[in-house]
Amino acid sequence: MTNIKLSKRLFSIAKMVEQGSTVADVGCDHALLDIYLSQNNIIKKAIACDITEGALQGARKNIKESNVKNVEVRLADGLSKIKDNDNVDTLVISGLGDQKIISILNNEKNKLKNIHTIIVQSNTGIDKVRINVVKLGYFIKDETLVKEKGIIYTVIKFKKGIRKYSSKQMYFGPVLLMNKNELFNELLLNIINKNKKIISSLPNTMVWKKLKLFIKNIKIKKEMSKKTD
């Protein structure tokens, strides 16, 4: 039996999965997260979904070697193969871009009725993900930042329910704003530096766009914590 050790990114997702959950893991890759959740008796069951047969071959191999019995593999685009009698209550979507994540959720709204927890790690457009998942009737329960191989990832846990958020909260994250730390500062600094590069690459004729990015950077800098952990 092989005990799974997770990357920092996947471990931060695992910590947000509640005891006794039935999980659908969309974009599961080699199902390492699902196997870990099973081995540590966190879940009742996991359905590991991926659109790539090659990834699922790796998942099946890992499941067999790890000798877990409650992780099932399905070749699927998004939630297309999730059925009502699967009794899924928790959805994990990680490692995809914001457009794909939003598309998956909007295209399968009827399958969200029994899902009380959505855990998302998007590689792009974090603010867009927040806005769209909240529109589906979820609120932001928790957020965390994790740095791995020089990349800072944002992991968000949504719960069923309605709350109102400001545009600032949607952009920066309501929980992250309350718990500013060194990694939060580093993330904002990365955004500022990226905007600076865009400003310097724009032609002088695009004065208005340059100005907008300059003002945006000032606003971002104001949110950086003066005290770091």
Protein backbone atom coordinates (compact mmCIF):
# COMPACT_ATOMS: atom_id res chain seq x y z
CA MET A 1 0.00 0.00 0.00
CA THR A 2 1.36 3.41 -1.03
CA ASN A 3 0.70 6.36 1.28
CA ILE A 4 0.09 9.53 -0.72
CA LYS A 5 2.01 12.70 0.05
CA LEU A 6 0.45 15.81 -1.41
CA SER A 7 1.99 18.95 -2.83
CA LYS A 8 1.43 22.15 -0.83
CA ARG A 9 -1.28 23.20 -3.27
CA LEU A 10 -3.24 19.96 -3.02
CA PHE A 11 -2.76 19.77 0.75
CA SER A 12 -4.29 23.23 1.14
CA ILE A 13 -7.33 21.95 -0.79
CA ALA A 14 -7.50 18.75 1.29
CA LYS A 15 -7.62 20.78 4.51
CA MET A 16 -10.84 22.44 3.31
CA VAL A 17 -12.70 19.16 2.71
CA GLU A 18 -15.07 18.40 5.57
CA GLN A 19 -15.19 15.09 7.43
CA GLY A 20 -17.67 12.62 5.94
CA SER A 21 -18.01 14.39 2.59
CA THR A 22 -18.84 12.76 -0.72
CA VAL A 23 -16.60 14.52 -3.22
CA ALA A 24 -16.61 15.07 -6.96
CA ASP A 25 -13.09 16.08 -8.01
CA VAL A 26 -13.22 17.76 -11.42
CA GLY A 27 -9.89 17.83 -13.25
CA CYS A 28 -8.57 15.17 -10.87
CA ASP A 29 -5.42 14.44 -12.88
CA HIS A 30 -3.92 11.34 -11.17
CA ALA A 31 -6.44 11.38 -8.28
CA LEU A 32 -3.77 12.03 -5.63
CA LEU A 33 -6.07 14.35 -3.68
CA ASP A 34 -8.89 11.79 -3.63
CA ILE A 35 -6.61 8.95 -2.56
CA TYR A 36 -5.17 11.09 0.25
CA LEU A 37 -8.70 12.00 1.45
CA SER A 38 -9.60 8.30 1.46
CA GLN A 39 -6.43 7.13 3.20
CA ASN A 40 -6.94 9.70 5.94
CA ASN A 41 -10.62 8.74 6.45
CA ILE A 42 -11.85 12.23 5.58
CA ILE A 43 -14.40 11.26 2.93
CA LYS A 44 -17.15 8.70 2.42
CA LYS A 45 -16.43 8.54 -1.29
CA ALA A 46 -14.73 10.42 -4.13
CA ILE A 47 -15.60 10.50 -7.81
CA ALA A 48 -12.43 11.48 -9.69
CA CYS A 49 -13.32 13.08 -13.04
CA ASP A 50 -11.04 14.14 -15.85
CA ILE A 51 -11.48 14.85 -19.54
CA THR A 52 -8.16 13.16 -20.40
CA GLU A 53 -7.95 9.37 -20.60
CA GLY A 54 -4.17 9.53 -20.05
CA ALA A 55 -4.67 11.23 -16.69
CA LEU A 56 -7.26 8.66 -15.67
CA GLN A 57 -4.94 5.79 -16.53
CA GLY A 58 -2.52 7.28 -14.00
CA ALA A 59 -5.40 7.70 -11.53
CA ARG A 60 -6.44 4.04 -11.86
CA LYS A 61 -2.85 2.91 -11.34
CA ASN A 62 -2.49 5.07 -8.20
CA ILE A 63 -5.83 3.88 -6.80
CA LYS A 64 -4.85 0.24 -7.29
CA GLU A 65 -1.40 0.71 -5.75
CA SER A 66 -2.87 2.62 -2.80
CA ASN A 67 -5.55 -0.05 -2.25
CA VAL A 68 -8.35 2.43 -1.64
CA LYS A 69 -11.91 1.21 -2.28
CA ASN A 70 -13.99 4.38 -2.20
CA VAL A 71 -12.44 6.37 -5.08
CA GLU A 72 -14.16 5.93 -8.44
CA VAL A 73 -12.79 7.21 -11.76
CA ARG A 74 -14.94 8.66 -14.55
CA LEU A 75 -13.99 10.07 -17.93
CA ALA A 76 -16.03 13.27 -18.00
CA ASP A 77 -16.08 16.90 -19.03
CA GLY A 78 -16.97 18.81 -15.88
CA LEU A 79 -19.98 17.43 -13.99
CA SER A 80 -21.47 15.63 -17.00
CA LYS A 81 -21.15 12.14 -15.45
CA ILE A 82 -22.28 13.07 -11.93
CA LYS A 83 -25.71 11.60 -11.12
CA ASP A 84 -28.25 12.38 -8.39
CA ASN A 85 -27.78 8.99 -6.73
CA ASP A 86 -24.04 9.71 -6.32
CA ASN A 87 -25.11 11.96 -3.41
CA VAL A 88 -22.21 14.33 -4.01
CA ASP A 89 -22.20 17.17 -1.47
CA THR A 90 -18.73 18.63 -2.11
CA LEU A 91 -17.25 19.76 -5.40
CA VAL A 92 -13.52 20.32 -5.92
CA ILE A 93 -12.30 22.08 -9.07
CA SER A 94 -8.59 22.82 -9.19
CA GLY A 95 -5.84 23.55 -11.67
CA LEU A 96 -8.14 24.99 -14.35
CA GLY A 97 -8.64 28.54 -15.64
CA ASP A 98 -11.48 30.83 -14.56
CA GLN A 99 -13.41 30.57 -17.85
CA LYS A 100 -13.45 26.76 -17.74
CA ILE A 101 -14.46 26.69 -14.06
CA ILE A 102 -17.27 29.20 -14.58
CA SER A 103 -18.44 27.32 -17.69
CA ILE A 104 -18.54 23.98 -15.81
CA LEU A 105 -20.64 25.46 -13.00
CA ASN A 106 -23.03 27.42 -15.22
CA ASN A 107 -23.57 24.55 -17.66
CA GLU A 108 -24.51 22.11 -14.88
CA LYS A 109 -26.48 24.34 -12.47
CA ASN A 110 -29.07 21.61 -11.93
CA LYS A 111 -26.37 19.38 -10.46
CA LEU A 112 -25.49 21.94 -7.78
CA LYS A 113 -28.75 21.60 -5.86
CA ASN A 114 -27.31 19.09 -3.34
CA ILE A 115 -23.76 20.47 -3.36
CA HIS A 116 -23.26 22.52 -0.19
CA THR A 117 -19.49 23.03 -0.55
CA ILE A 118 -17.43 24.10 -3.57
CA ILE A 119 -13.64 24.27 -3.24
CA VAL A 120 -11.89 26.08 -6.07
CA GLN A 121 -8.28 26.71 -7.03
CA SER A 122 -8.24 28.65 -10.28
CA ASN A 123 -5.05 29.41 -12.19
CA THR A 124 -6.52 32.67 -13.53
CA GLY A 125 -9.18 35.30 -12.82
CA ILE A 126 -9.72 34.60 -9.12
CA ASP A 127 -12.01 37.63 -8.78
CA LYS A 128 -14.18 36.42 -11.67
CA VAL A 129 -14.53 33.02 -10.00
CA ARG A 130 -15.60 34.65 -6.73
CA ILE A 131 -18.22 36.79 -8.48
CA ASN A 132 -19.70 33.92 -10.48
CA VAL A 133 -19.83 31.32 -7.70
CA VAL A 134 -21.47 33.85 -5.35
CA LYS A 135 -24.07 34.50 -8.08
CA LEU A 136 -24.90 30.77 -7.97
CA GLY A 137 -25.98 31.11 -4.32
CA TYR A 138 -22.79 30.45 -2.36
CA PHE A 139 -20.78 32.55 0.09
CA ILE A 140 -17.06 32.59 0.76
CA LYS A 141 -16.41 30.54 3.90
CA ASP A 142 -12.61 30.42 3.73
CA GLU A 143 -9.65 31.39 1.58
CA THR A 144 -5.98 30.62 1.78
CA LEU A 145 -2.79 31.37 -0.13
CA VAL A 146 -0.07 28.81 -0.72
CA LYS A 147 3.25 29.22 -2.49
CA GLU A 148 4.74 26.34 -4.43
CA LYS A 149 7.62 26.40 -6.91
CA GLY A 150 7.53 30.19 -6.98
CA ILE A 151 3.80 30.40 -7.77
CA ILE A 152 1.21 31.73 -5.31
CA TYR A 153 -2.10 29.87 -5.49
CA THR A 154 -5.44 30.99 -4.05
CA VAL A 155 -7.76 28.30 -2.69
CA ILE A 156 -11.36 29.29 -1.90
CA LYS A 157 -14.05 27.38 -0.01
CA PHE A 158 -17.63 28.33 -0.85
CA LYS A 159 -20.68 27.26 1.17
CA LYS A 160 -24.34 27.35 0.20
CA GLY A 161 -25.92 30.62 1.30
CA ILE A 162 -26.31 34.27 0.42
CA ARG A 163 -24.01 37.12 1.44
CA LYS A 164 -23.32 40.47 -0.13
CA TYR A 165 -19.78 41.56 -0.98
CA SER A 166 -18.20 44.79 -2.11
CA SER A 167 -16.23 45.00 -5.35
CA LYS A 168 -13.08 45.31 -3.22
CA GLN A 169 -13.89 42.07 -1.41
CA MET A 170 -14.52 40.31 -4.70
CA TYR A 171 -11.19 41.47 -6.09
CA PHE A 172 -8.94 40.81 -3.09
CA GLY A 173 -10.99 38.18 -1.26
CA PRO A 174 -12.98 38.95 1.92
CA VAL A 175 -11.12 36.40 4.06
CA LEU A 176 -7.71 37.31 2.64
CA LEU A 177 -8.40 40.98 3.40
CA MET A 178 -9.08 40.10 7.04
CA ASN A 179 -5.98 37.94 7.35
CA LYS A 180 -3.33 39.92 5.51
CA ASN A 181 0.11 38.35 5.77
CA GLU A 182 3.45 38.27 4.00
CA LEU A 183 2.17 36.01 1.23
CA PHE A 184 -0.79 38.34 0.62
CA ASN A 185 1.68 41.22 0.26
CA GLU A 186 3.78 39.18 -2.16
CA LEU A 187 0.73 38.34 -4.26
CA LEU A 188 -0.27 42.00 -4.51
CA LEU A 189 3.30 43.01 -5.33
CA ASN A 190 3.28 40.47 -8.17
CA ILE A 191 0.11 42.06 -9.56
CA ILE A 192 1.60 45.55 -9.25
CA ASN A 193 4.78 44.50 -11.07
CA LYS A 194 2.75 42.80 -13.81
CA ASN A 195 0.73 45.99 -14.29
CA LYS A 196 3.95 48.03 -14.44
CA LYS A 197 5.23 45.83 -17.26
CA ILE A 198 1.98 46.32 -19.16
CA ILE A 199 2.20 50.09 -18.64
CA SER A 200 5.75 50.20 -19.99
CA SER A 201 4.84 48.07 -23.02
CA LEU A 202 1.84 50.19 -24.04
CA PRO A 203 2.37 52.88 -26.68
CA ASN A 204 2.20 56.52 -25.54
CA THR A 205 -1.03 56.95 -27.48
CA MET A 206 -2.79 54.73 -24.94
CA VAL A 207 -2.50 57.30 -22.18
CA TRP A 208 -5.90 56.54 -20.67
CA LYS A 209 -5.20 52.80 -20.29
CA LYS A 210 -1.80 53.57 -18.75
CA LEU A 211 -3.42 55.96 -16.30
CA LYS A 212 -6.08 53.42 -15.31
CA LEU A 213 -3.44 50.79 -14.55
CA PHE A 214 -1.36 53.35 -12.63
CA ILE A 215 -4.38 54.25 -10.45
CA LYS A 216 -5.19 50.55 -9.99
CA ASN A 217 -1.67 49.95 -8.70
CA ILE A 218 -2.07 52.75 -6.16
CA LYS A 219 -5.29 51.13 -4.89
CA ILE A 220 -3.66 47.70 -4.71
CA LYS A 221 -0.68 49.06 -2.78
CA LYS A 222 -3.03 50.59 -0.19
CA GLU A 223 -4.32 47.10 0.65
CA MET A 224 -0.86 45.71 1.42
CA SER A 225 -0.40 44.97 5.09
CA LYS A 226 2.12 47.20 6.84
CA LYS A 227 2.68 44.46 9.41
CA THR A 228 3.61 41.02 8.16
CA ASP A 229 3.71 37.69 9.98
